[in-house]
C-alpha atoms as a PDB file:
ATOM      1  CA  MET A   1      -1.172  -3.650  16.889  1.00  0.00           C
ATOM      2  CA  ASP A   2      -4.703  -2.407  16.346  1.00  0.00           C
ATOM      3  CA  PRO A   3      -5.082  -1.708  12.575  1.00  0.00           C
ATOM      4  CA  GLY A   4      -6.627   1.662  13.423  1.00  0.00           C
ATOM      5  CA  THR A   5      -3.681   2.787  15.532  1.00  0.00           C
ATOM      6  CA  HIS A   6      -0.815   4.838  14.136  1.00  0.00           C
ATOM      7  CA  HIS A   7       2.450   4.980  16.045  1.00  0.00           C
ATOM      8  CA  GLY A   8       4.637   7.876  15.021  1.00  0.00           C
ATOM      9  CA  PRO A   9       4.547  11.588  14.303  1.00  0.00           C
ATOM     10  CA  PRO A  10       1.296  13.243  13.270  1.00  0.00           C
ATOM     11  CA  ALA A  11       0.617  13.017   9.546  1.00  0.00           C
ATOM     12  CA  PRO A  12      -1.042  15.529   7.248  1.00  0.00           C
ATOM     13  CA  PRO A  13      -4.774  15.176   6.542  1.00  0.00           C
ATOM     14  CA  GLY A  14      -5.591  12.631   3.888  1.00  0.00           C
ATOM     15  CA  THR A  15      -2.668  10.351   4.766  1.00  0.00           C
ATOM     16  CA  THR A  16      -3.358   6.635   4.428  1.00  0.00           C
ATOM     17  CA  TYR A  17      -1.476   4.097   6.496  1.00  0.00           C
ATOM     18  CA  ILE A  18      -0.598   0.626   5.373  1.00  0.00           C
ATOM     19  CA  ILE A  19      -0.472  -1.890   8.174  1.00  0.00           C
ATOM     20  CA  GLY A  20       2.021  -4.737   7.837  1.00  0.00           C
ATOM     21  CA  GLN A  21      -0.248  -7.348   9.379  1.00  0.00           C
ATOM     22  CA  TRP A  22      -3.888  -7.756  10.273  1.00  0.00           C
ATOM     23  CA  HIS A  23      -4.978  -9.962  13.133  1.00  0.00           C
ATOM     24  CA  ASP A  24      -7.601 -12.632  12.771  1.00  0.00           C
ATOM     25  CA  ARG A  25     -10.242 -13.128  15.439  1.00  0.00           C
ATOM     26  CA  GLY A  26      -8.173 -15.841  17.080  1.00  0.00           C
ATOM     27  CA  GLY A  27      -5.274 -13.437  17.663  1.00  0.00           C
ATOM     28  CA  GLY A  28      -3.057 -14.798  14.878  1.00  0.00           C
ATOM     29  CA  ASP A  29      -1.324 -12.679  12.272  1.00  0.00           C
ATOM     30  CA  LEU A  30      -2.541 -12.587   8.690  1.00  0.00           C
ATOM     31  CA  PRO A  31       0.198 -11.434   6.304  1.00  0.00           C
ATOM     32  CA  VAL A  32      -0.568  -8.719   3.780  1.00  0.00           C
ATOM     33  CA  GLU A  33      -0.249 -10.130   0.260  1.00  0.00           C
ATOM     34  CA  ARG A  34      -1.785  -7.352  -1.854  1.00  0.00           C
ATOM     35  CA  ALA A  35      -2.156  -3.576  -1.731  1.00  0.00           C
ATOM     36  CA  LEU A  36      -4.623  -1.425  -3.635  1.00  0.00           C
ATOM     37  CA  ILE A  37      -3.160   2.046  -4.153  1.00  0.00           C
ATOM     38  CA  SER A  38      -5.060   5.072  -5.462  1.00  0.00           C
ATOM     39  CA  VAL A  39      -3.794   8.563  -4.659  1.00  0.00           C
ATOM     40  CA  SER A  40      -4.199  12.059  -6.046  1.00  0.00           C
ATOM     41  CA  ASP A  41      -0.826  13.326  -4.767  1.00  0.00           C
ATOM     42  CA  LYS A  42       1.827  11.132  -6.404  1.00  0.00           C
ATOM     43  CA  SER A  43       4.779  12.538  -4.418  1.00  0.00           C
ATOM     44  CA  GLY A  44       6.672   9.693  -2.731  1.00  0.00           C
ATOM     45  CA  LEU A  45       4.572   7.090  -4.524  1.00  0.00           C
ATOM     46  CA  GLY A  46       7.559   5.418  -6.189  1.00  0.00           C
ATOM     47  CA  ASP A  47       9.302   4.932  -2.845  1.00  0.00           C
ATOM     48  CA  LEU A  48       6.150   3.539  -1.259  1.00  0.00           C
ATOM     49  CA  ALA A  49       5.554   1.126  -4.128  1.00  0.00           C
ATOM     50  CA  ARG A  50       9.204  -0.018  -4.159  1.00  0.00           C
ATOM     51  CA  GLY A  51       9.052  -0.684  -0.411  1.00  0.00           C
ATOM     52  CA  LEU A  52       5.878  -2.731  -0.717  1.00  0.00           C
ATOM     53  CA  SER A  53       7.279  -4.657  -3.659  1.00  0.00           C
ATOM     54  CA  LYS A  54      10.466  -5.495  -1.726  1.00  0.00           C
ATOM     55  CA  LEU A  55       8.234  -6.946   1.011  1.00  0.00           C
ATOM     56  CA  GLY A  56       6.636  -9.239  -1.573  1.00  0.00           C
ATOM     57  CA  ILE A  57       3.338  -7.375  -1.569  1.00  0.00           C
ATOM     58  CA  GLY A  58       1.546  -7.368  -4.930  1.00  0.00           C
ATOM     59  CA  ILE A  59       0.423  -3.893  -5.986  1.00  0.00           C
ATOM     60  CA  TYR A  60      -2.857  -3.147  -7.757  1.00  0.00           C
ATOM     61  CA  SER A  61      -3.972   0.230  -9.044  1.00  0.00           C
ATOM     62  CA  THR A  62      -5.843   2.141 -11.746  1.00  0.00           C
ATOM     63  CA  GLY A  63      -5.331   5.067 -14.090  1.00  0.00           C
ATOM     64  CA  GLY A  64      -2.777   7.723 -13.260  1.00  0.00           C
ATOM     65  CA  THR A  65      -1.628   6.043 -10.061  1.00  0.00           C
ATOM     66  CA  MET A  66      -0.923   2.832 -11.952  1.00  0.00           C
ATOM     67  CA  ALA A  67       0.981   4.776 -14.614  1.00  0.00           C
ATOM     68  CA  ALA A  68       3.077   6.536 -11.957  1.00  0.00           C
ATOM     69  CA  ILE A  69       3.926   3.272 -10.193  1.00  0.00           C
ATOM     70  CA  SER A  70       4.829   1.595 -13.465  1.00  0.00           C
ATOM     71  CA  GLY A  71       6.860   4.662 -14.468  1.00  0.00           C
ATOM     72  CA  ALA A  72       8.855   4.252 -11.270  1.00  0.00           C
ATOM     73  CA  GLY A  73       9.839   0.768 -12.467  1.00  0.00           C
ATOM     74  CA  VAL A  74       7.684  -1.105  -9.969  1.00  0.00           C
ATOM     75  CA  PRO A  75       5.470  -4.015 -11.091  1.00  0.00           C
ATOM     76  CA  VAL A  76       1.794  -3.118 -10.796  1.00  0.00           C
ATOM     77  CA  ARG A  77      -1.359  -4.902 -11.898  1.00  0.00           C
ATOM     78  CA  PRO A  78      -4.739  -3.464 -12.893  1.00  0.00           C
ATOM     79  CA  VAL A  79      -7.323  -3.467 -10.145  1.00  0.00           C
ATOM     80  CA  GLU A  80      -9.580  -5.567 -12.390  1.00  0.00           C
ATOM     81  CA  GLY A  81      -7.159  -8.433 -11.674  1.00  0.00           C
ATOM     82  CA  LEU A  82      -8.256  -8.648  -8.038  1.00  0.00           C
END
């Protein structure tokens, strides 16, 4: 799948998509190991973070977003750790 392509219903403006795999130039899959999350609207953030965590994806964030993720009981690391 092209990382710029979204398959599904239209999303509201400002929506960010997380792609499960990127493709290297040779056509192979590169697994996603880390996600950097920074959002102003925290609705649904706990569910998103839990889903990523269950997939084994390490989550990095800052400030209020990091506090919200941590408050949802999901492990999160400061972005300075990248």
